[in-house]
Amino acid sequence: MVRILYKPLGLLFGALGGVVAGAVFKRLWALLGHRDDAPATTDPDRSWTEVLTAAALQGAVFALVKAAIDRGGAVGTRRLTGAWPD
């Protein structure tokens, strides 16, 4: 029963997490001194270093936010139901 309730909420929180991760990455990119958005991988005016740095940073931010949301959801589910979701 816990799994049935956990899955839809996990999907909802995952979608919200994507929005949060995007905002965090954008802010972090600006804090690193970049005035514009992260470069597209096909932007001919950007260097390899800038494109790959942006990709690595974005991946790390999204992975961190996803892990935090997944873990928080599991902990919250256990607190509410007494069972760890599988």
PDB file of N, CA and C in Angstrom:
ATOM      1  N   MET A   1       0.823  -1.198   0.000  1.00  0.00           N
ATOM      2  CA  MET A   1       0.000   0.000   0.000  1.00  0.00           C
ATOM      3  C   MET A   1       0.867   1.262   0.000  1.00  0.00           C
ATOM      4  N   VAL A   2       1.955   1.226   0.759  1.00  0.00           N
ATOM      5  CA  VAL A   2       2.847   2.377   0.830  1.00  0.00           C
ATOM      6  C   VAL A   2       3.403   2.689  -0.553  1.00  0.00           C
ATOM      7  N   ARG A   3       3.762   1.665  -1.290  1.00  0.00           N
ATOM      8  CA  ARG A   3       4.326   1.852  -2.625  1.00  0.00           C
ATOM      9  C   ARG A   3       3.331   2.529  -3.564  1.00  0.00           C
ATOM     10  N   ILE A   4       2.068   2.164  -3.474  1.00  0.00           N
ATOM     11  CA  ILE A   4       1.031   2.749  -4.318  1.00  0.00           C
ATOM     12  C   ILE A   4       0.900   4.247  -4.055  1.00  0.00           C
ATOM     13  N   LEU A   5       0.990   4.651  -2.809  1.00  0.00           N
ATOM     14  CA  LEU A   5       0.902   6.064  -2.460  1.00  0.00           C
ATOM     15  C   LEU A   5       2.189   6.821  -2.760  1.00  0.00           C
ATOM     16  N   TYR A   6       3.309   6.145  -2.618  1.00  0.00           N
ATOM     17  CA  TYR A   6       4.610   6.789  -2.768  1.00  0.00           C
ATOM     18  C   TYR A   6       4.921   7.142  -4.224  1.00  0.00           C
ATOM     19  N   LYS A   7       4.575   6.281  -5.157  1.00  0.00           N
ATOM     20  CA  LYS A   7       4.938   6.487  -6.559  1.00  0.00           C
ATOM     21  C   LYS A   7       4.368   7.782  -7.152  1.00  0.00           C
ATOM     22  N   PRO A   8       3.064   8.055  -7.031  1.00  0.00           N
ATOM     23  CA  PRO A   8       2.555   9.306  -7.622  1.00  0.00           C
ATOM     24  C   PRO A   8       3.148  10.551  -6.964  1.00  0.00           C
ATOM     25  N   LEU A   9       3.329  10.493  -5.668  1.00  0.00           N
ATOM     26  CA  LEU A   9       3.937  11.633  -4.986  1.00  0.00           C
ATOM     27  C   LEU A   9       5.391  11.795  -5.390  1.00  0.00           C
ATOM     28  N   GLY A  10       6.093  10.689  -5.596  1.00  0.00           N
ATOM     29  CA  GLY A  10       7.477  10.740  -6.047  1.00  0.00           C
ATOM     30  C   GLY A  10       7.595  11.384  -7.421  1.00  0.00           C
ATOM     31  N   LEU A  11       6.652  11.078  -8.300  1.00  0.00           N
ATOM     32  CA  LEU A  11       6.652  11.694  -9.628  1.00  0.00           C
ATOM     33  C   LEU A  11       6.402  13.193  -9.546  1.00  0.00           C
ATOM     34  N   LEU A  12       5.468  13.582  -8.708  1.00  0.00           N
ATOM     35  CA  LEU A  12       5.158  15.009  -8.532  1.00  0.00           C
ATOM     36  C   LEU A  12       6.363  15.751  -7.960  1.00  0.00           C
ATOM     37  N   PHE A  13       6.943  15.195  -6.917  1.00  0.00           N
ATOM     38  CA  PHE A  13       8.117  15.842  -6.308  1.00  0.00           C
ATOM     39  C   PHE A  13       9.309  15.845  -7.259  1.00  0.00           C
ATOM     40  N   GLY A  14       9.422  14.827  -8.074  1.00  0.00           N
ATOM     41  CA  GLY A  14      10.496  14.781  -9.059  1.00  0.00           C
ATOM     42  C   GLY A  14      10.362  15.903 -10.086  1.00  0.00           C
ATOM     43  N   ALA A  15       9.142  16.158 -10.534  1.00  0.00           N
ATOM     44  CA  ALA A  15       8.909  17.243 -11.490  1.00  0.00           C
ATOM     45  C   ALA A  15       9.213  18.597 -10.854  1.00  0.00           C
ATOM     46  N   LEU A  16       8.769  18.773  -9.633  1.00  0.00           N
ATOM     47  CA  LEU A  16       9.066  20.021  -8.924  1.00  0.00           C
ATOM     48  C   LEU A  16      10.568  20.159  -8.683  1.00  0.00           C
ATOM     49  N   GLY A  17      11.214  19.047  -8.423  1.00  0.00           N
ATOM     50  CA  GLY A  17      12.659  19.056  -8.228  1.00  0.00           C
ATOM     51  C   GLY A  17      13.406  19.507  -9.470  1.00  0.00           C
ATOM     52  N   GLY A  18      12.900  19.130 -10.639  1.00  0.00           N
ATOM     53  CA  GLY A  18      13.504  19.577 -11.887  1.00  0.00           C
ATOM     54  C   GLY A  18      13.451  21.082 -12.037  1.00  0.00           C
ATOM     55  N   VAL A  19      12.336  21.655 -11.638  1.00  0.00           N
ATOM     56  CA  VAL A  19      12.185  23.116 -11.690  1.00  0.00           C
ATOM     57  C   VAL A  19      13.150  23.767 -10.700  1.00  0.00           C
ATOM     58  N   VAL A  20      13.218  23.227  -9.496  1.00  0.00           N
ATOM     59  CA  VAL A  20      14.124  23.763  -8.473  1.00  0.00           C
ATOM     60  C   VAL A  20      15.579  23.637  -8.932  1.00  0.00           C
ATOM     61  N   ALA A  21      15.940  22.484  -9.467  1.00  0.00           N
ATOM     62  CA  ALA A  21      17.314  22.268  -9.919  1.00  0.00           C
ATOM     63  C   ALA A  21      17.683  23.242 -11.033  1.00  0.00           C
ATOM     64  N   GLY A  22      16.753  23.493 -11.941  1.00  0.00           N
ATOM     65  CA  GLY A  22      17.011  24.446 -13.010  1.00  0.00           C
ATOM     66  C   GLY A  22      17.276  25.841 -12.476  1.00  0.00           C
ATOM     67  N   ALA A  23      16.485  26.246 -11.477  1.00  0.00           N
ATOM     68  CA  ALA A  23      16.664  27.568 -10.874  1.00  0.00           C
ATOM     69  C   ALA A  23      17.987  27.644 -10.100  1.00  0.00           C
ATOM     70  N   VAL A  24      18.326  26.587  -9.385  1.00  0.00           N
ATOM     71  CA  VAL A  24      19.581  26.558  -8.633  1.00  0.00           C
ATOM     72  C   VAL A  24      20.764  26.637  -9.588  1.00  0.00           C
ATOM     73  N   PHE A  25      20.716  25.863 -10.673  1.00  0.00           N
ATOM     74  CA  PHE A  25      21.808  25.892 -11.640  1.00  0.00           C
ATOM     75  C   PHE A  25      21.948  27.281 -12.259  1.00  0.00           C
ATOM     76  N   LYS A  26      20.851  27.877 -12.637  1.00  0.00           N
ATOM     77  CA  LYS A  26      20.904  29.207 -13.260  1.00  0.00           C
ATOM     78  C   LYS A  26      21.540  30.226 -12.319  1.00  0.00           C
ATOM     79  N   ARG A  27      21.155  30.162 -11.054  1.00  0.00           N
ATOM     80  CA  ARG A  27      21.714  31.090 -10.067  1.00  0.00           C
ATOM     81  C   ARG A  27      23.202  30.814  -9.838  1.00  0.00           C
ATOM     82  N   LEU A  28      23.562  29.553  -9.733  1.00  0.00           N
ATOM     83  CA  LEU A  28      24.956  29.179  -9.530  1.00  0.00           C
ATOM     84  C   LEU A  28      25.811  29.604 -10.723  1.00  0.00           C
ATOM     85  N   TRP A  29      25.292  29.427 -11.922  1.00  0.00           N
ATOM     86  CA  TRP A  29      26.008  29.828 -13.133  1.00  0.00           C
ATOM     87  C   TRP A  29      26.269  31.334 -13.105  1.00  0.00           C
ATOM     88  N   ALA A  30      25.275  32.102 -12.663  1.00  0.00           N
ATOM     89  CA  ALA A  30      25.438  33.561 -12.567  1.00  0.00           C
ATOM     90  C   ALA A  30      26.450  33.923 -11.474  1.00  0.00           C
ATOM     91  N   LEU A  31      26.415  33.201 -10.356  1.00  0.00           N
ATOM     92  CA  LEU A  31      27.358  33.470  -9.270  1.00  0.00           C
ATOM     93  C   LEU A  31      28.801  33.193  -9.680  1.00  0.00           C
ATOM     94  N   LEU A  32      28.976  32.305 -10.638  1.00  0.00           N
ATOM     95  CA  LEU A  32      30.314  31.993 -11.131  1.00  0.00           C
ATOM     96  C   LEU A  32      30.820  33.053 -12.107  1.00  0.00           C
ATOM     97  N   GLY A  33      30.030  34.092 -12.305  1.00  0.00           N
ATOM     98  CA  GLY A  33      30.481  35.220 -13.111  1.00  0.00           C
ATOM     99  C   GLY A  33      30.000  35.237 -14.542  1.00  0.00           C
ATOM    100  N   HIS A  34      29.075  34.375 -14.890  1.00  0.00           N
ATOM    101  CA  HIS A  34      28.562  34.354 -16.255  1.00  0.00           C
ATOM    102  C   HIS A  34      27.327  35.231 -16.352  1.00  0.00           C
ATOM    103  N   ARG A  35      27.340  36.156 -17.279  1.00  0.00           N
ATOM    104  CA  ARG A  35      26.228  37.098 -17.419  1.00  0.00           C
ATOM    105  C   ARG A  35      25.053  36.516 -18.178  1.00  0.00           C
ATOM    106  N   ASP A  36      25.319  35.571 -19.039  1.00  0.00           N
ATOM    107  CA  ASP A  36      24.255  35.001 -19.849  1.00  0.00           C
ATOM    108  C   ASP A  36      23.970  33.559 -19.427  1.00  0.00           C
ATOM    109  N   ASP A  37      23.000  32.972 -20.101  1.00  0.00           N
ATOM    110  CA  ASP A  37      22.626  31.594 -19.790  1.00  0.00           C
ATOM    111  C   ASP A  37      23.768  30.639 -20.127  1.00  0.00           C
ATOM    112  N   ALA A  38      23.651  29.443 -19.616  1.00  0.00           N
ATOM    113  CA  ALA A  38      24.647  28.412 -19.920  1.00  0.00           C
ATOM    114  C   ALA A  38      24.659  28.170 -21.425  1.00  0.00           C
ATOM    115  N   PRO A  39      25.811  27.842 -21.964  1.00  0.00           N
ATOM    116  CA  PRO A  39      25.916  27.666 -23.415  1.00  0.00           C
ATOM    117  C   PRO A  39      25.244  26.384 -23.900  1.00  0.00           C
ATOM    118  N   ALA A  40      24.698  26.479 -25.078  1.00  0.00           N
ATOM    119  CA  ALA A  40      24.199  25.278 -25.754  1.00  0.00           C
ATOM    120  C   ALA A  40      25.416  24.505 -26.256  1.00  0.00           C
ATOM    121  N   THR A  41      25.287  23.221 -26.348  1.00  0.00           N
ATOM    122  CA  THR A  41      26.426  22.409 -26.782  1.00  0.00           C
ATOM    123  C   THR A  41      26.818  22.695 -28.225  1.00  0.00           C
ATOM    124  N   THR A  42      25.927  23.246 -29.004  1.00  0.00           N
ATOM    125  CA  THR A  42      26.218  23.529 -30.413  1.00  0.00           C
ATOM    126  C   THR A  42      26.525  25.004 -30.673  1.00  0.00           C
ATOM    127  N   ASP A  43      26.693  25.790 -29.625  1.00  0.00           N
ATOM    128  CA  ASP A  43      26.990  27.219 -29.786  1.00  0.00           C
ATOM    129  C   ASP A  43      28.427  27.382 -30.286  1.00  0.00           C
ATOM    130  N   PRO A  44      28.614  27.879 -31.505  1.00  0.00           N
ATOM    131  CA  PRO A  44      29.964  27.982 -32.051  1.00  0.00           C
ATOM    132  C   PRO A  44      30.811  29.068 -31.401  1.00  0.00           C
ATOM    133  N   ASP A  45      30.185  29.967 -30.660  1.00  0.00           N
ATOM    134  CA  ASP A  45      30.909  31.071 -30.028  1.00  0.00           C
ATOM    135  C   ASP A  45      31.398  30.741 -28.624  1.00  0.00           C
ATOM    136  N   ARG A  46      31.139  29.538 -28.153  1.00  0.00           N
ATOM    137  CA  ARG A  46      31.558  29.138 -26.808  1.00  0.00           C
ATOM    138  C   ARG A  46      32.662  28.107 -26.894  1.00  0.00           C
ATOM    139  N   SER A  47      33.547  28.129 -25.915  1.00  0.00           N
ATOM    140  CA  SER A  47      34.681  27.199 -25.917  1.00  0.00           C
ATOM    141  C   SER A  47      34.249  25.827 -25.386  1.00  0.00           C
ATOM    142  N   TRP A  48      35.093  24.831 -25.680  1.00  0.00           N
ATOM    143  CA  TRP A  48      34.860  23.498 -25.142  1.00  0.00           C
ATOM    144  C   TRP A  48      34.830  23.540 -23.618  1.00  0.00           C
ATOM    145  N   THR A  49      35.743  24.278 -23.046  1.00  0.00           N
ATOM    146  CA  THR A  49      35.834  24.360 -21.589  1.00  0.00           C
ATOM    147  C   THR A  49      34.541  24.890 -20.981  1.00  0.00           C
ATOM    148  N   GLU A  50      34.017  25.957 -21.559  1.00  0.00           N
ATOM    149  CA  GLU A  50      32.789  26.551 -21.024  1.00  0.00           C
ATOM    150  C   GLU A  50      31.598  25.614 -21.183  1.00  0.00           C
ATOM    151  N   VAL A  51      31.480  24.982 -22.332  1.00  0.00           N
ATOM    152  CA  VAL A  51      30.359  24.067 -22.583  1.00  0.00           C
ATOM    153  C   VAL A  51      30.428  22.862 -21.648  1.00  0.00           C
ATOM    154  N   LEU A  52      31.611  22.266 -21.510  1.00  0.00           N
ATOM    155  CA  LEU A  52      31.733  21.074 -20.664  1.00  0.00           C
ATOM    156  C   LEU A  52      31.627  21.407 -19.182  1.00  0.00           C
ATOM    157  N   THR A  53      32.110  22.569 -18.780  1.00  0.00           N
ATOM    158  CA  THR A  53      31.958  22.997 -17.389  1.00  0.00           C
ATOM    159  C   THR A  53      30.485  23.193 -17.051  1.00  0.00           C
ATOM    160  N   ALA A  54      29.765  23.837 -17.938  1.00  0.00           N
ATOM    161  CA  ALA A  54      28.331  24.050 -17.715  1.00  0.00           C
ATOM    162  C   ALA A  54      27.592  22.720 -17.633  1.00  0.00           C
ATOM    163  N   ALA A  55      27.922  21.787 -18.517  1.00  0.00           N
ATOM    164  CA  ALA A  55      27.258  20.485 -18.518  1.00  0.00           C
ATOM    165  C   ALA A  55      27.541  19.712 -17.230  1.00  0.00           C
ATOM    166  N   ALA A  56      28.793  19.730 -16.794  1.00  0.00           N
ATOM    167  CA  ALA A  56      29.160  19.017 -15.563  1.00  0.00           C
ATOM    168  C   ALA A  56      28.471  19.630 -14.346  1.00  0.00           C
ATOM    169  N   LEU A  57      28.453  20.942 -14.279  1.00  0.00           N
ATOM    170  CA  LEU A  57      27.809  21.624 -13.157  1.00  0.00           C
ATOM    171  C   LEU A  57      26.308  21.366 -13.145  1.00  0.00           C
ATOM    172  N   GLN A  58      25.697  21.433 -14.318  1.00  0.00           N
ATOM    173  CA  GLN A  58      24.262  21.190 -14.407  1.00  0.00           C
ATOM    174  C   GLN A  58      23.931  19.755 -13.998  1.00  0.00           C
ATOM    175  N   GLY A  59      24.714  18.806 -14.450  1.00  0.00           N
ATOM    176  CA  GLY A  59      24.487  17.414 -14.071  1.00  0.00           C
ATOM    177  C   GLY A  59      24.630  17.195 -12.579  1.00  0.00           C
ATOM    178  N   ALA A  60      25.635  17.815 -11.983  1.00  0.00           N
ATOM    179  CA  ALA A  60      25.842  17.672 -10.533  1.00  0.00           C
ATOM    180  C   ALA A  60      24.686  18.277  -9.746  1.00  0.00           C
ATOM    181  N   VAL A  61      24.224  19.443 -10.163  1.00  0.00           N
ATOM    182  CA  VAL A  61      23.116  20.096  -9.461  1.00  0.00           C
ATOM    183  C   VAL A  61      21.848  19.252  -9.568  1.00  0.00           C
ATOM    184  N   PHE A  62      21.545  18.768 -10.769  1.00  0.00           N
ATOM    185  CA  PHE A  62      20.336  17.961 -10.939  1.00  0.00           C
ATOM    186  C   PHE A  62      20.419  16.660 -10.145  1.00  0.00           C
ATOM    187  N   ALA A  63      21.583  16.020 -10.127  1.00  0.00           N
ATOM    188  CA  ALA A  63      21.746  14.777  -9.364  1.00  0.00           C
ATOM    189  C   ALA A  63      21.590  15.027  -7.865  1.00  0.00           C
ATOM    190  N   LEU A  64      22.155  16.116  -7.381  1.00  0.00           N
ATOM    191  CA  LEU A  64      22.059  16.449  -5.962  1.00  0.00           C
ATOM    192  C   LEU A  64      20.616  16.726  -5.556  1.00  0.00           C
ATOM    193  N   VAL A  65      19.914  17.514  -6.349  1.00  0.00           N
ATOM    194  CA  VAL A  65      18.520  17.832  -6.032  1.00  0.00           C
ATOM    195  C   VAL A  65      17.664  16.570  -6.101  1.00  0.00           C
ATOM    196  N   LYS A  66      17.882  15.725  -7.108  1.00  0.00           N
ATOM    197  CA  LYS A  66      17.109  14.487  -7.221  1.00  0.00           C
ATOM    198  C   LYS A  66      17.341  13.580  -6.016  1.00  0.00           C
ATOM    199  N   ALA A  67      18.598  13.424  -5.621  1.00  0.00           N
ATOM    200  CA  ALA A  67      18.896  12.580  -4.466  1.00  0.00           C
ATOM    201  C   ALA A  67      18.264  13.128  -3.194  1.00  0.00           C
ATOM    202  N   ALA A  68      18.314  14.449  -3.015  1.00  0.00           N
ATOM    203  CA  ALA A  68      17.725  15.063  -1.823  1.00  0.00           C
ATOM    204  C   ALA A  68      16.213  14.865  -1.802  1.00  0.00           C
ATOM    205  N   ILE A  69      15.572  15.011  -2.941  1.00  0.00           N
ATOM    206  CA  ILE A  69      14.114  14.846  -3.005  1.00  0.00           C
ATOM    207  C   ILE A  69      13.725  13.391  -2.806  1.00  0.00           C
ATOM    208  N   ASP A  70      14.424  12.484  -3.460  1.00  0.00           N
ATOM    209  CA  ASP A  70      14.123  11.051  -3.299  1.00  0.00           C
ATOM    210  C   ASP A  70      14.306  10.617  -1.848  1.00  0.00           C
ATOM    211  N   ARG A  71      15.423  11.027  -1.251  1.00  0.00           N
ATOM    212  CA  ARG A  71      15.690  10.644   0.138  1.00  0.00           C
ATOM    213  C   ARG A  71      14.672  11.276   1.083  1.00  0.00           C
ATOM    214  N   GLY A  72      14.388  12.551   0.871  1.00  0.00           N
ATOM    215  CA  GLY A  72      13.399  13.232   1.710  1.00  0.00           C
ATOM    216  C   GLY A  72      12.019  12.606   1.601  1.00  0.00           C
ATOM    217  N   GLY A  73      11.653  12.203   0.400  1.00  0.00           N
ATOM    218  CA  GLY A  73      10.358  11.537   0.210  1.00  0.00           C
ATOM    219  C   GLY A  73      10.288  10.209   0.924  1.00  0.00           C
ATOM    220  N   ALA A  74      11.370   9.454   0.865  1.00  0.00           N
ATOM    221  CA  ALA A  74      11.406   8.153   1.545  1.00  0.00           C
ATOM    222  C   ALA A  74      11.341   8.330   3.061  1.00  0.00           C
ATOM    223  N   VAL A  75      12.092   9.287   3.572  1.00  0.00           N
ATOM    224  CA  VAL A  75      12.075   9.550   5.018  1.00  0.00           C
ATOM    225  C   VAL A  75      10.690  10.031   5.456  1.00  0.00           C
ATOM    226  N   GLY A  76      10.105  10.922   4.668  1.00  0.00           N
ATOM    227  CA  GLY A  76       8.762  11.411   4.991  1.00  0.00           C
ATOM    228  C   GLY A  76       7.723  10.308   4.964  1.00  0.00           C
ATOM    229  N   THR A  77       7.843   9.415   4.000  1.00  0.00           N
ATOM    230  CA  THR A  77       6.922   8.285   3.913  1.00  0.00           C
ATOM    231  C   THR A  77       7.056   7.384   5.132  1.00  0.00           C
ATOM    232  N   ARG A  78       8.301   7.146   5.541  1.00  0.00           N
ATOM    233  CA  ARG A  78       8.503   6.307   6.722  1.00  0.00           C
ATOM    234  C   ARG A  78       7.923   6.958   7.970  1.00  0.00           C
ATOM    235  N   ARG A  79       8.083   8.269   8.089  1.00  0.00           N
ATOM    236  CA  ARG A  79       7.522   8.963   9.254  1.00  0.00           C
ATOM    237  C   ARG A  79       6.007   8.899   9.280  1.00  0.00           C
ATOM    238  N   LEU A  80       5.386   8.994   8.094  1.00  0.00           N
ATOM    239  CA  LEU A  80       3.923   8.968   8.033  1.00  0.00           C
ATOM    240  C   LEU A  80       3.325   7.578   8.169  1.00  0.00           C
ATOM    241  N   THR A  81       4.008   6.596   7.591  1.00  0.00           N
ATOM    242  CA  THR A  81       3.428   5.251   7.538  1.00  0.00           C
ATOM    243  C   THR A  81       4.132   4.229   8.411  1.00  0.00           C
ATOM    244  N   GLY A  82       5.362   4.530   8.788  1.00  0.00           N
ATOM    245  CA  GLY A  82       6.138   3.555   9.557  1.00  0.00           C
ATOM    246  C   GLY A  82       6.866   2.551   8.681  1.00  0.00           C
ATOM    247  N   ALA A  83       6.698   2.656   7.373  1.00  0.00           N
ATOM    248  CA  ALA A  83       7.356   1.717   6.450  1.00  0.00           C
ATOM    249  C   ALA A  83       8.201   2.477   5.445  1.00  0.00           C
ATOM    250  N   TRP A  84       9.352   1.893   5.124  1.00  0.00           N
ATOM    251  CA  TRP A  84      10.240   2.480   4.119  1.00  0.00           C
ATOM    252  C   TRP A  84       9.721   2.070   2.743  1.00  0.00           C
ATOM    253  N   PRO A  85       9.557   3.014   1.828  1.00  0.00           N
ATOM    254  CA  PRO A  85       9.071   2.647   0.501  1.00  0.00           C
ATOM    255  C   PRO A  85      10.122   1.851  -0.273  1.00  0.00           C
ATOM    256  N   ASP A  86       9.676   0.886  -1.056  1.00  0.00           N
ATOM    257  CA  ASP A  86      10.596   0.064  -1.843  1.00  0.00           C
ATOM    258  C   ASP A  86      10.766   0.607  -3.221  1.00  0.00           C
TER     259      ASP A  86
END
